[in-house]
Amino acid sequence: MFLSKLILKLAGWTSTGTLPVEKKCIVIAAPHTSNWDFVLGWLYYKSLGGSIKVMIKEDIFFFPLGILLRWMGAIPVDRRPGNRMIEKMGQEFAKSDILHLAIAPEGTRGKVTEWKKGFLLIARRADVPVYLAYADYKKKQLGMLGKFIPTDDTNADIRAVQKSYEGITPCHPTNFAT
């Protein structure tokens, strides 16, 4: 905890907010336009005394990076169609006593026009809230925008969540669609 706080401070970053109080939740991490987003988010969570699992594409779990990623709580994700990740993550929530799961709603660091809806579907399946975490590179600030409870209207939920991120400056602004 101390080391994470020190690293963030030395890098010029500040933190706002607190960790979710629920034992189980999804934390979406947006905007996601850089590899640094994962590192900063992990340091943020650790600096507040938390532990988080992070869904990351399986392609980067090669040796030796895969060892480090697993140690940091990364879960390899098969992004091919038919992988049943929503069902698998729902089962993971069911068998866990404590699980904070981070997901990048864009699904990639590159430019996207639509966010993926999987985080909402997993949250509904597991009956857990979604917390909105952010990294604002202009302000050099990390934090939580608040809690979101998914409804049965996934499209309206996506719009509402995206609207929450207006005004947040990503590392690569041209890759972020709100």
N, C-alpha and C. Protein backbone atom coordinates (compact mmCIF):
# COMPACT_ATOMS: atom_id res chain seq x y z
N MET A 1 0.82 -1.18 0.00
CA MET A 1 0.00 0.00 0.00
C MET A 1 0.88 1.26 0.00
N PHE A 2 1.83 1.32 0.90
CA PHE A 2 2.72 2.48 0.99
C PHE A 2 3.50 2.67 -0.31
N LEU A 3 4.04 1.57 -0.84
CA LEU A 3 4.85 1.66 -2.06
C LEU A 3 4.02 2.15 -3.24
N SER A 4 2.78 1.67 -3.36
CA SER A 4 1.89 2.11 -4.44
C SER A 4 1.61 3.61 -4.32
N LYS A 5 1.33 4.08 -3.11
CA LYS A 5 1.09 5.51 -2.89
C LYS A 5 2.32 6.32 -3.27
N LEU A 6 3.48 5.84 -2.87
CA LEU A 6 4.73 6.55 -3.15
C LEU A 6 4.99 6.63 -4.66
N ILE A 7 4.80 5.52 -5.35
CA ILE A 7 5.02 5.51 -6.81
C ILE A 7 4.09 6.51 -7.49
N LEU A 8 2.82 6.50 -7.12
CA LEU A 8 1.87 7.44 -7.72
C LEU A 8 2.26 8.89 -7.43
N LYS A 9 2.65 9.15 -6.19
CA LYS A 9 3.05 10.51 -5.80
C LYS A 9 4.28 10.97 -6.58
N LEU A 10 5.29 10.10 -6.66
CA LEU A 10 6.51 10.45 -7.39
C LEU A 10 6.24 10.69 -8.87
N ALA A 11 5.23 10.00 -9.41
CA ALA A 11 4.87 10.17 -10.82
C ALA A 11 3.94 11.37 -11.03
N GLY A 12 3.54 12.02 -9.92
CA GLY A 12 2.72 13.22 -10.03
C GLY A 12 1.22 12.98 -10.06
N TRP A 13 0.78 11.76 -9.76
CA TRP A 13 -0.64 11.43 -9.79
C TRP A 13 -1.27 11.62 -8.42
N THR A 14 -2.54 12.05 -8.41
CA THR A 14 -3.32 12.13 -7.18
C THR A 14 -4.51 11.18 -7.30
N SER A 15 -5.06 10.80 -6.15
CA SER A 15 -6.19 9.88 -6.10
C SER A 15 -7.38 10.55 -5.44
N THR A 16 -8.58 10.20 -5.91
CA THR A 16 -9.81 10.68 -5.30
C THR A 16 -10.71 9.49 -5.03
N GLY A 17 -11.60 9.65 -4.09
CA GLY A 17 -12.58 8.62 -3.83
C GLY A 17 -12.05 7.49 -2.98
N THR A 18 -12.92 6.52 -2.79
CA THR A 18 -12.59 5.34 -1.99
C THR A 18 -12.95 4.10 -2.78
N LEU A 19 -12.52 2.97 -2.27
CA LEU A 19 -12.84 1.71 -2.93
C LEU A 19 -14.30 1.33 -2.67
N PRO A 20 -14.88 0.51 -3.54
CA PRO A 20 -16.24 0.04 -3.31
C PRO A 20 -16.35 -0.68 -1.96
N VAL A 21 -17.48 -0.51 -1.30
CA VAL A 21 -17.69 -1.16 -0.01
C VAL A 21 -18.20 -2.59 -0.17
N GLU A 22 -18.79 -2.90 -1.31
CA GLU A 22 -19.31 -4.24 -1.55
C GLU A 22 -18.17 -5.25 -1.68
N LYS A 23 -18.43 -6.47 -1.27
CA LYS A 23 -17.43 -7.53 -1.40
C LYS A 23 -17.30 -7.99 -2.85
N LYS A 24 -18.36 -7.79 -3.63
CA LYS A 24 -18.34 -8.19 -5.03
C LYS A 24 -18.86 -7.04 -5.89
N CYS A 25 -18.11 -6.73 -6.94
CA CYS A 25 -18.53 -5.68 -7.86
C CYS A 25 -17.69 -5.75 -9.13
N ILE A 26 -18.15 -5.04 -10.12
CA ILE A 26 -17.37 -4.83 -11.34
C ILE A 26 -16.90 -3.38 -11.30
N VAL A 27 -15.65 -3.18 -11.67
CA VAL A 27 -15.09 -1.84 -11.77
C VAL A 27 -14.69 -1.64 -13.22
N ILE A 28 -15.41 -0.74 -13.90
CA ILE A 28 -14.99 -0.49 -15.27
C ILE A 28 -13.90 0.57 -15.24
N ALA A 29 -12.90 0.35 -16.07
CA ALA A 29 -11.75 1.24 -16.13
C ALA A 29 -11.76 1.94 -17.48
N ALA A 30 -12.11 3.22 -17.45
CA ALA A 30 -12.18 3.98 -18.69
C ALA A 30 -11.63 5.38 -18.41
N PRO A 31 -11.17 6.06 -19.38
CA PRO A 31 -10.92 5.58 -20.73
C PRO A 31 -9.71 4.63 -20.76
N HIS A 32 -9.74 3.71 -21.71
CA HIS A 32 -8.63 2.76 -21.85
C HIS A 32 -8.00 2.97 -23.23
N THR A 33 -6.92 3.77 -23.26
CA THR A 33 -6.25 4.07 -24.54
C THR A 33 -4.75 3.80 -24.48
N SER A 34 -4.27 3.28 -23.34
CA SER A 34 -2.84 3.08 -23.15
C SER A 34 -2.58 1.88 -22.25
N ASN A 35 -1.43 1.24 -22.43
CA ASN A 35 -1.02 0.16 -21.51
C ASN A 35 -0.84 0.69 -20.10
N TRP A 36 -0.54 1.97 -19.96
CA TRP A 36 -0.34 2.56 -18.64
C TRP A 36 -1.62 2.57 -17.81
N ASP A 37 -2.78 2.52 -18.46
CA ASP A 37 -4.05 2.53 -17.74
C ASP A 37 -4.12 1.37 -16.74
N PHE A 38 -3.69 0.20 -17.17
CA PHE A 38 -3.69 -0.99 -16.29
C PHE A 38 -2.77 -0.77 -15.10
N VAL A 39 -1.57 -0.29 -15.37
CA VAL A 39 -0.58 -0.09 -14.30
C VAL A 39 -1.09 0.96 -13.31
N LEU A 40 -1.59 2.08 -13.82
CA LEU A 40 -2.09 3.15 -12.94
C LEU A 40 -3.29 2.67 -12.12
N GLY A 41 -4.20 1.95 -12.76
CA GLY A 41 -5.37 1.43 -12.05
C GLY A 41 -4.99 0.46 -10.96
N TRP A 42 -4.03 -0.40 -11.27
CA TRP A 42 -3.55 -1.38 -10.28
C TRP A 42 -2.91 -0.65 -9.10
N LEU A 43 -2.07 0.34 -9.38
CA LEU A 43 -1.44 1.12 -8.31
C LEU A 43 -2.48 1.87 -7.48
N TYR A 44 -3.48 2.42 -8.15
CA TYR A 44 -4.56 3.12 -7.44
C TYR A 44 -5.25 2.18 -6.45
N TYR A 45 -5.66 1.02 -6.92
CA TYR A 45 -6.37 0.08 -6.06
C TYR A 45 -5.49 -0.36 -4.89
N LYS A 46 -4.23 -0.67 -5.19
CA LYS A 46 -3.30 -1.09 -4.13
C LYS A 46 -3.05 0.05 -3.14
N SER A 47 -2.97 1.29 -3.64
CA SER A 47 -2.69 2.42 -2.75
C SER A 47 -3.81 2.64 -1.73
N LEU A 48 -5.01 2.16 -2.06
CA LEU A 48 -6.15 2.28 -1.16
C LEU A 48 -6.36 1.00 -0.34
N GLY A 49 -5.44 0.05 -0.49
CA GLY A 49 -5.52 -1.19 0.28
C GLY A 49 -6.40 -2.26 -0.33
N GLY A 50 -6.75 -2.11 -1.58
CA GLY A 50 -7.64 -3.07 -2.24
C GLY A 50 -6.91 -4.11 -3.06
N SER A 51 -7.68 -5.09 -3.47
CA SER A 51 -7.20 -6.15 -4.35
C SER A 51 -8.22 -6.29 -5.47
N ILE A 52 -7.73 -6.38 -6.70
CA ILE A 52 -8.63 -6.43 -7.83
C ILE A 52 -8.14 -7.42 -8.87
N LYS A 53 -9.07 -8.07 -9.53
CA LYS A 53 -8.78 -8.94 -10.67
C LYS A 53 -9.08 -8.12 -11.92
N VAL A 54 -8.32 -8.37 -12.98
CA VAL A 54 -8.47 -7.58 -14.20
C VAL A 54 -8.55 -8.51 -15.41
N MET A 55 -9.57 -8.31 -16.23
CA MET A 55 -9.70 -9.09 -17.46
C MET A 55 -8.79 -8.47 -18.53
N ILE A 56 -7.87 -9.30 -19.08
CA ILE A 56 -6.92 -8.84 -20.10
C ILE A 56 -6.85 -9.89 -21.21
N LYS A 57 -6.72 -9.43 -22.45
CA LYS A 57 -6.68 -10.37 -23.57
C LYS A 57 -5.55 -11.38 -23.38
N GLU A 58 -5.85 -12.63 -23.68
CA GLU A 58 -4.92 -13.72 -23.43
C GLU A 58 -3.65 -13.65 -24.27
N ASP A 59 -3.68 -12.91 -25.36
CA ASP A 59 -2.53 -12.83 -26.28
C ASP A 59 -1.25 -12.34 -25.59
N ILE A 60 -1.39 -11.55 -24.53
CA ILE A 60 -0.18 -10.98 -23.91
C ILE A 60 0.32 -11.78 -22.71
N PHE A 61 -0.24 -12.96 -22.50
CA PHE A 61 0.20 -13.80 -21.38
C PHE A 61 1.34 -14.72 -21.81
N PHE A 62 2.33 -14.15 -22.47
CA PHE A 62 3.52 -14.91 -22.86
C PHE A 62 4.58 -14.76 -21.78
N PHE A 63 5.54 -15.65 -21.78
CA PHE A 63 6.61 -15.63 -20.78
C PHE A 63 7.57 -14.48 -21.08
N PRO A 64 8.00 -13.74 -20.11
CA PRO A 64 7.72 -13.79 -18.68
C PRO A 64 6.59 -12.86 -18.26
N LEU A 65 6.03 -12.06 -19.21
CA LEU A 65 5.00 -11.08 -18.87
C LEU A 65 3.78 -11.74 -18.23
N GLY A 66 3.42 -12.93 -18.69
CA GLY A 66 2.26 -13.64 -18.15
C GLY A 66 2.37 -13.90 -16.66
N ILE A 67 3.57 -14.20 -16.19
CA ILE A 67 3.78 -14.46 -14.76
C ILE A 67 3.48 -13.19 -13.96
N LEU A 68 4.01 -12.06 -14.43
CA LEU A 68 3.78 -10.79 -13.75
C LEU A 68 2.29 -10.41 -13.78
N LEU A 69 1.66 -10.57 -14.92
CA LEU A 69 0.24 -10.22 -15.05
C LEU A 69 -0.62 -11.05 -14.10
N ARG A 70 -0.37 -12.34 -14.03
CA ARG A 70 -1.14 -13.20 -13.11
C ARG A 70 -0.91 -12.78 -11.66
N TRP A 71 0.33 -12.44 -11.31
CA TRP A 71 0.64 -11.99 -9.96
C TRP A 71 -0.14 -10.71 -9.64
N MET A 72 -0.33 -9.86 -10.64
CA MET A 72 -1.06 -8.61 -10.46
C MET A 72 -2.58 -8.81 -10.47
N GLY A 73 -3.05 -10.03 -10.68
CA GLY A 73 -4.48 -10.30 -10.66
C GLY A 73 -5.14 -10.35 -12.02
N ALA A 74 -4.36 -10.43 -13.08
CA ALA A 74 -4.93 -10.47 -14.42
C ALA A 74 -5.52 -11.84 -14.73
N ILE A 75 -6.65 -11.82 -15.42
CA ILE A 75 -7.34 -13.02 -15.87
C ILE A 75 -7.27 -13.03 -17.39
N PRO A 76 -6.69 -14.07 -18.00
CA PRO A 76 -6.63 -14.12 -19.46
C PRO A 76 -8.04 -14.27 -20.06
N VAL A 77 -8.31 -13.50 -21.10
CA VAL A 77 -9.62 -13.52 -21.75
C VAL A 77 -9.47 -13.94 -23.21
N ASP A 78 -10.21 -14.96 -23.57
CA ASP A 78 -10.31 -15.39 -24.96
C ASP A 78 -11.38 -14.51 -25.60
N ARG A 79 -10.98 -13.65 -26.52
CA ARG A 79 -11.92 -12.67 -27.09
C ARG A 79 -12.65 -13.18 -28.33
N ARG A 80 -12.44 -14.45 -28.68
CA ARG A 80 -13.13 -14.99 -29.85
C ARG A 80 -14.62 -15.20 -29.55
N PRO A 81 -15.47 -15.09 -30.57
CA PRO A 81 -16.90 -15.34 -30.36
C PRO A 81 -17.13 -16.75 -29.81
N GLY A 82 -18.14 -16.88 -28.98
CA GLY A 82 -18.50 -18.20 -28.44
C GLY A 82 -17.67 -18.63 -27.24
N ASN A 83 -16.93 -17.71 -26.63
CA ASN A 83 -16.06 -18.09 -25.52
C ASN A 83 -16.80 -18.19 -24.18
N ARG A 84 -18.05 -17.74 -24.12
CA ARG A 84 -18.90 -17.84 -22.93
C ARG A 84 -18.32 -17.09 -21.73
N MET A 85 -17.63 -15.97 -21.96
CA MET A 85 -17.00 -15.22 -20.87
C MET A 85 -18.03 -14.67 -19.88
N ILE A 86 -19.18 -14.28 -20.36
CA ILE A 86 -20.20 -13.75 -19.45
C ILE A 86 -20.62 -14.85 -18.47
N GLU A 87 -20.87 -16.03 -18.99
CA GLU A 87 -21.23 -17.16 -18.14
C GLU A 87 -20.08 -17.53 -17.20
N LYS A 88 -18.87 -17.59 -17.72
CA LYS A 88 -17.70 -17.95 -16.90
C LYS A 88 -17.48 -16.94 -15.77
N MET A 89 -17.59 -15.66 -16.08
CA MET A 89 -17.36 -14.66 -15.04
C MET A 89 -18.51 -14.67 -14.03
N GLY A 90 -19.72 -14.94 -14.49
CA GLY A 90 -20.84 -15.09 -13.56
C GLY A 90 -20.59 -16.22 -12.58
N GLN A 91 -20.04 -17.34 -13.07
CA GLN A 91 -19.69 -18.47 -12.20
C GLN A 91 -18.57 -18.08 -11.24
N GLU A 92 -17.62 -17.29 -11.72
CA GLU A 92 -16.51 -16.84 -10.87
C GLU A 92 -17.04 -16.00 -9.70
N PHE A 93 -17.99 -15.14 -9.98
CA PHE A 93 -18.60 -14.34 -8.91
C PHE A 93 -19.34 -15.25 -7.92
N ALA A 94 -20.05 -16.25 -8.44
CA ALA A 94 -20.83 -17.14 -7.57
C ALA A 94 -19.95 -17.93 -6.61
N LYS A 95 -18.78 -18.33 -7.06
CA LYS A 95 -17.91 -19.15 -6.19
C LYS A 95 -16.95 -18.33 -5.33
N SER A 96 -16.90 -17.02 -5.53
CA SER A 96 -15.98 -16.16 -4.78
C SER A 96 -16.68 -15.47 -3.61
N ASP A 97 -15.98 -15.38 -2.49
CA ASP A 97 -16.50 -14.61 -1.35
C ASP A 97 -16.27 -13.12 -1.56
N ILE A 98 -15.13 -12.79 -2.16
CA ILE A 98 -14.77 -11.40 -2.45
C ILE A 98 -14.23 -11.35 -3.87
N LEU A 99 -14.78 -10.44 -4.68
CA LEU A 99 -14.28 -10.29 -6.04
C LEU A 99 -14.60 -8.89 -6.57
N HIS A 100 -13.55 -8.12 -6.77
CA HIS A 100 -13.65 -6.86 -7.49
C HIS A 100 -13.01 -7.14 -8.84
N LEU A 101 -13.79 -7.02 -9.91
CA LEU A 101 -13.34 -7.37 -11.26
C LEU A 101 -13.30 -6.14 -12.14
N ALA A 102 -12.10 -5.81 -12.64
CA ALA A 102 -11.94 -4.65 -13.53
C ALA A 102 -12.07 -5.08 -14.98
N ILE A 103 -12.80 -4.27 -15.73
CA ILE A 103 -13.03 -4.51 -17.15
C ILE A 103 -12.92 -3.17 -17.88
N ALA A 104 -12.23 -3.16 -19.02
CA ALA A 104 -12.21 -1.97 -19.87
C ALA A 104 -13.40 -2.07 -20.82
N PRO A 105 -14.38 -1.19 -20.71
CA PRO A 105 -15.59 -1.32 -21.51
C PRO A 105 -15.37 -1.17 -23.02
N GLU A 106 -14.27 -0.52 -23.40
CA GLU A 106 -13.99 -0.40 -24.84
C GLU A 106 -13.48 -1.72 -25.41
N GLY A 107 -12.90 -2.56 -24.56
CA GLY A 107 -12.40 -3.86 -25.01
C GLY A 107 -11.05 -3.80 -25.69
N THR A 108 -10.50 -2.62 -25.87
CA THR A 108 -9.21 -2.45 -26.54
C THR A 108 -8.70 -1.03 -26.26
N ARG A 109 -7.41 -0.81 -26.57
CA ARG A 109 -6.86 0.54 -26.41
C ARG A 109 -7.07 1.37 -27.66
N GLY A 110 -7.38 0.73 -28.76
CA GLY A 110 -7.57 1.43 -30.03
C GLY A 110 -8.92 2.14 -30.10
N LYS A 111 -9.09 2.91 -31.16
CA LYS A 111 -10.33 3.67 -31.37
C LYS A 111 -11.50 2.71 -31.58
N VAL A 112 -12.57 2.95 -30.83
CA VAL A 112 -13.81 2.20 -31.01
C VAL A 112 -14.96 3.19 -31.09
N THR A 113 -16.02 2.78 -31.76
CA THR A 113 -17.19 3.65 -31.85
C THR A 113 -18.26 3.24 -30.84
N GLU A 114 -18.19 1.99 -30.37
CA GLU A 114 -19.16 1.50 -29.40
C GLU A 114 -18.46 0.72 -28.31
N TRP A 115 -18.93 0.91 -27.08
CA TRP A 115 -18.41 0.12 -25.97
C TRP A 115 -19.02 -1.27 -25.98
N LYS A 116 -18.29 -2.21 -25.47
CA LYS A 116 -18.80 -3.58 -25.31
C LYS A 116 -19.79 -3.60 -24.15
N LYS A 117 -20.74 -4.48 -24.23
CA LYS A 117 -21.80 -4.53 -23.22
C LYS A 117 -21.57 -5.64 -22.19
N GLY A 118 -20.50 -6.41 -22.35
CA GLY A 118 -20.25 -7.55 -21.48
C GLY A 118 -20.21 -7.22 -20.01
N PHE A 119 -19.63 -6.06 -19.65
CA PHE A 119 -19.55 -5.72 -18.23
C PHE A 119 -20.93 -5.57 -17.60
N LEU A 120 -21.89 -5.04 -18.37
CA LEU A 120 -23.26 -4.91 -17.86
C LEU A 120 -23.94 -6.27 -17.75
N LEU A 121 -23.70 -7.13 -18.75
CA LEU A 121 -24.30 -8.46 -18.73
C LEU A 121 -23.75 -9.31 -17.58
N ILE A 122 -22.46 -9.20 -17.33
CA ILE A 122 -21.85 -9.92 -16.21
C ILE A 122 -22.41 -9.38 -14.89
N ALA A 123 -22.51 -8.06 -14.77
CA ALA A 123 -23.03 -7.45 -13.54
C ALA A 123 -24.46 -7.91 -13.26
N ARG A 124 -25.28 -7.94 -14.31
CA ARG A 124 -26.67 -8.40 -14.11
C ARG A 124 -26.71 -9.87 -13.74
N ARG A 125 -25.90 -10.69 -14.42
CA ARG A 125 -25.88 -12.13 -14.14
C ARG A 125 -25.43 -12.39 -12.70
N ALA A 126 -24.42 -11.65 -12.24
CA ALA A 126 -23.86 -11.85 -10.89
C ALA A 126 -24.59 -11.04 -9.83
N ASP A 127 -25.50 -10.16 -10.27
CA ASP A 127 -26.24 -9.28 -9.37
C ASP A 127 -25.29 -8.43 -8.52
N VAL A 128 -24.37 -7.75 -9.22
CA VAL A 128 -23.40 -6.88 -8.55
C VAL A 128 -23.45 -5.48 -9.18
N PRO A 129 -23.06 -4.46 -8.42
CA PRO A 129 -23.01 -3.11 -8.98
C PRO A 129 -21.77 -2.91 -9.85
N VAL A 130 -21.81 -1.85 -10.61
CA VAL A 130 -20.69 -1.45 -11.45
C VAL A 130 -20.16 -0.13 -10.92
N TYR A 131 -18.87 -0.07 -10.65
CA TYR A 131 -18.23 1.18 -10.24
C TYR A 131 -17.49 1.76 -11.44
N LEU A 132 -17.49 3.07 -11.53
CA LEU A 132 -16.91 3.77 -12.68
C LEU A 132 -15.58 4.39 -12.27
N ALA A 133 -14.49 3.70 -12.62
CA ALA A 133 -13.14 4.19 -12.32
C ALA A 133 -12.59 4.95 -13.53
N TYR A 134 -11.70 5.88 -13.25
CA TYR A 134 -11.14 6.68 -14.34
C TYR A 134 -9.68 7.02 -14.08
N ALA A 135 -9.00 7.34 -15.18
CA ALA A 135 -7.66 7.92 -15.14
C ALA A 135 -7.70 9.14 -16.05
N ASP A 136 -7.54 10.32 -15.46
CA ASP A 136 -7.56 11.56 -16.22
C ASP A 136 -6.11 12.02 -16.38
N TYR A 137 -5.59 11.89 -17.59
CA TYR A 137 -4.19 12.20 -17.86
C TYR A 137 -3.90 13.69 -17.85
N LYS A 138 -4.89 14.52 -18.13
CA LYS A 138 -4.67 15.97 -18.11
C LYS A 138 -4.50 16.45 -16.67
N LYS A 139 -5.36 15.98 -15.78
CA LYS A 139 -5.29 16.36 -14.36
C LYS A 139 -4.34 15.48 -13.58
N LYS A 140 -3.89 14.36 -14.20
CA LYS A 140 -3.07 13.34 -13.52
C LYS A 140 -3.78 12.90 -12.24
N GLN A 141 -5.03 12.47 -12.44
CA GLN A 141 -5.89 12.10 -11.33
C GLN A 141 -6.56 10.75 -11.60
N LEU A 142 -6.59 9.92 -10.55
CA LEU A 142 -7.24 8.62 -10.59
C LEU A 142 -8.38 8.62 -9.60
N GLY A 143 -9.46 7.93 -9.91
CA GLY A 143 -10.54 7.89 -8.94
C GLY A 143 -11.75 7.12 -9.42
N MET A 144 -12.82 7.28 -8.65
CA MET A 144 -14.10 6.64 -8.93
C MET A 144 -15.14 7.73 -9.15
N LEU A 145 -15.90 7.59 -10.22
CA LEU A 145 -16.97 8.54 -10.51
C LEU A 145 -18.25 8.19 -9.77
N GLY A 146 -18.35 6.96 -9.30
CA GLY A 146 -19.55 6.56 -8.58
C GLY A 146 -19.95 5.14 -8.90
N LYS A 147 -21.13 4.78 -8.41
CA LYS A 147 -21.67 3.43 -8.57
C LYS A 147 -22.83 3.48 -9.54
N PHE A 148 -22.94 2.43 -10.35
CA PHE A 148 -24.02 2.32 -11.33
C PHE A 148 -24.69 0.96 -11.15
N ILE A 149 -26.01 0.96 -11.05
CA ILE A 149 -26.76 -0.28 -10.95
C ILE A 149 -27.39 -0.55 -12.32
N PRO A 150 -26.96 -1.64 -12.98
CA PRO A 150 -27.52 -1.95 -14.31
C PRO A 150 -29.02 -2.21 -14.27
N THR A 151 -29.68 -1.82 -15.35
CA THR A 151 -31.12 -2.07 -15.51
C THR A 151 -31.29 -3.15 -16.58
N ASP A 152 -32.51 -3.34 -17.01
CA ASP A 152 -32.76 -4.30 -18.09
C ASP A 152 -32.56 -3.67 -19.47
N ASP A 153 -32.29 -2.37 -19.53
CA ASP A 153 -32.09 -1.67 -20.80
C ASP A 153 -30.60 -1.43 -21.01
N THR A 154 -29.93 -2.40 -21.60
CA THR A 154 -28.48 -2.35 -21.78
C THR A 154 -28.05 -1.15 -22.61
N ASN A 155 -28.79 -0.83 -23.66
CA ASN A 155 -28.40 0.30 -24.52
C ASN A 155 -28.48 1.62 -23.76
N ALA A 156 -29.54 1.81 -22.97
CA ALA A 156 -29.66 3.03 -22.17
C ALA A 156 -28.56 3.07 -21.10
N ASP A 157 -28.24 1.91 -20.53
CA ASP A 157 -27.17 1.84 -19.52
C ASP A 157 -25.83 2.26 -20.11
N ILE A 158 -25.52 1.76 -21.29
CA ILE A 158 -24.24 2.12 -21.95
C ILE A 158 -24.17 3.64 -22.14
N ARG A 159 -25.26 4.22 -22.64
CA ARG A 159 -25.28 5.68 -22.86
C ARG A 159 -25.08 6.44 -21.56
N ALA A 160 -25.74 5.99 -20.50
CA ALA A 160 -25.64 6.67 -19.20
C ALA A 160 -24.22 6.57 -18.63
N VAL A 161 -23.63 5.40 -18.74
CA VAL A 161 -22.27 5.21 -18.22
C VAL A 161 -21.28 6.04 -19.04
N GLN A 162 -21.40 6.00 -20.36
CA GLN A 162 -20.49 6.78 -21.21
C GLN A 162 -20.59 8.27 -20.89
N LYS A 163 -21.79 8.75 -20.64
CA LYS A 163 -21.99 10.17 -20.34
C LYS A 163 -21.22 10.57 -19.08
N SER A 164 -21.09 9.64 -18.14
CA SER A 164 -20.35 9.91 -16.90
C SER A 164 -18.89 10.24 -17.15
N TYR A 165 -18.36 9.77 -18.27
CA TYR A 165 -16.94 9.96 -18.57
C TYR A 165 -16.66 11.21 -19.41
N GLU A 166 -17.68 11.99 -19.71
CA GLU A 166 -17.45 13.24 -20.44
C GLU A 166 -16.57 14.15 -19.59
N GLY A 167 -15.56 14.72 -20.19
CA GLY A 167 -14.66 15.61 -19.47
C GLY A 167 -13.42 14.93 -18.92
N ILE A 168 -13.35 13.60 -19.01
CA ILE A 168 -12.16 12.86 -18.58
C ILE A 168 -11.20 12.80 -19.76
N THR A 169 -9.94 13.14 -19.54
CA THR A 169 -8.96 13.16 -20.63
C THR A 169 -8.10 11.90 -20.60
N PRO A 170 -8.22 11.06 -21.64
CA PRO A 170 -7.41 9.84 -21.71
C PRO A 170 -5.98 10.14 -22.16
N CYS A 171 -5.14 9.15 -22.09
CA CYS A 171 -3.77 9.28 -22.56
C CYS A 171 -3.74 9.63 -24.05
N HIS A 172 -4.57 8.94 -24.80
CA HIS A 172 -4.66 9.17 -26.27
C HIS A 172 -6.11 9.56 -26.60
N PRO A 173 -6.44 10.85 -26.51
CA PRO A 173 -7.83 11.30 -26.68
C PRO A 173 -8.50 10.89 -27.99
N THR A 174 -7.75 10.76 -29.07
CA THR A 174 -8.39 10.41 -30.35
C THR A 174 -8.90 8.96 -30.35
N ASN A 175 -8.48 8.16 -29.38
CA ASN A 175 -8.93 6.76 -29.31
C ASN A 175 -10.12 6.57 -28.37
N PHE A 176 -10.64 7.63 -27.79
CA PHE A 176 -11.70 7.49 -26.80
C PHE A 176 -13.01 8.03 -27.32
N ALA A 177 -14.02 7.18 -27.33
CA ALA A 177 -15.36 7.59 -27.78
C ALA A 177 -16.31 7.54 -26.59
N THR A 178 -16.86 8.70 -26.22
CA THR A 178 -17.88 8.73 -25.17
C THR A 178 -19.25 8.91 -25.78
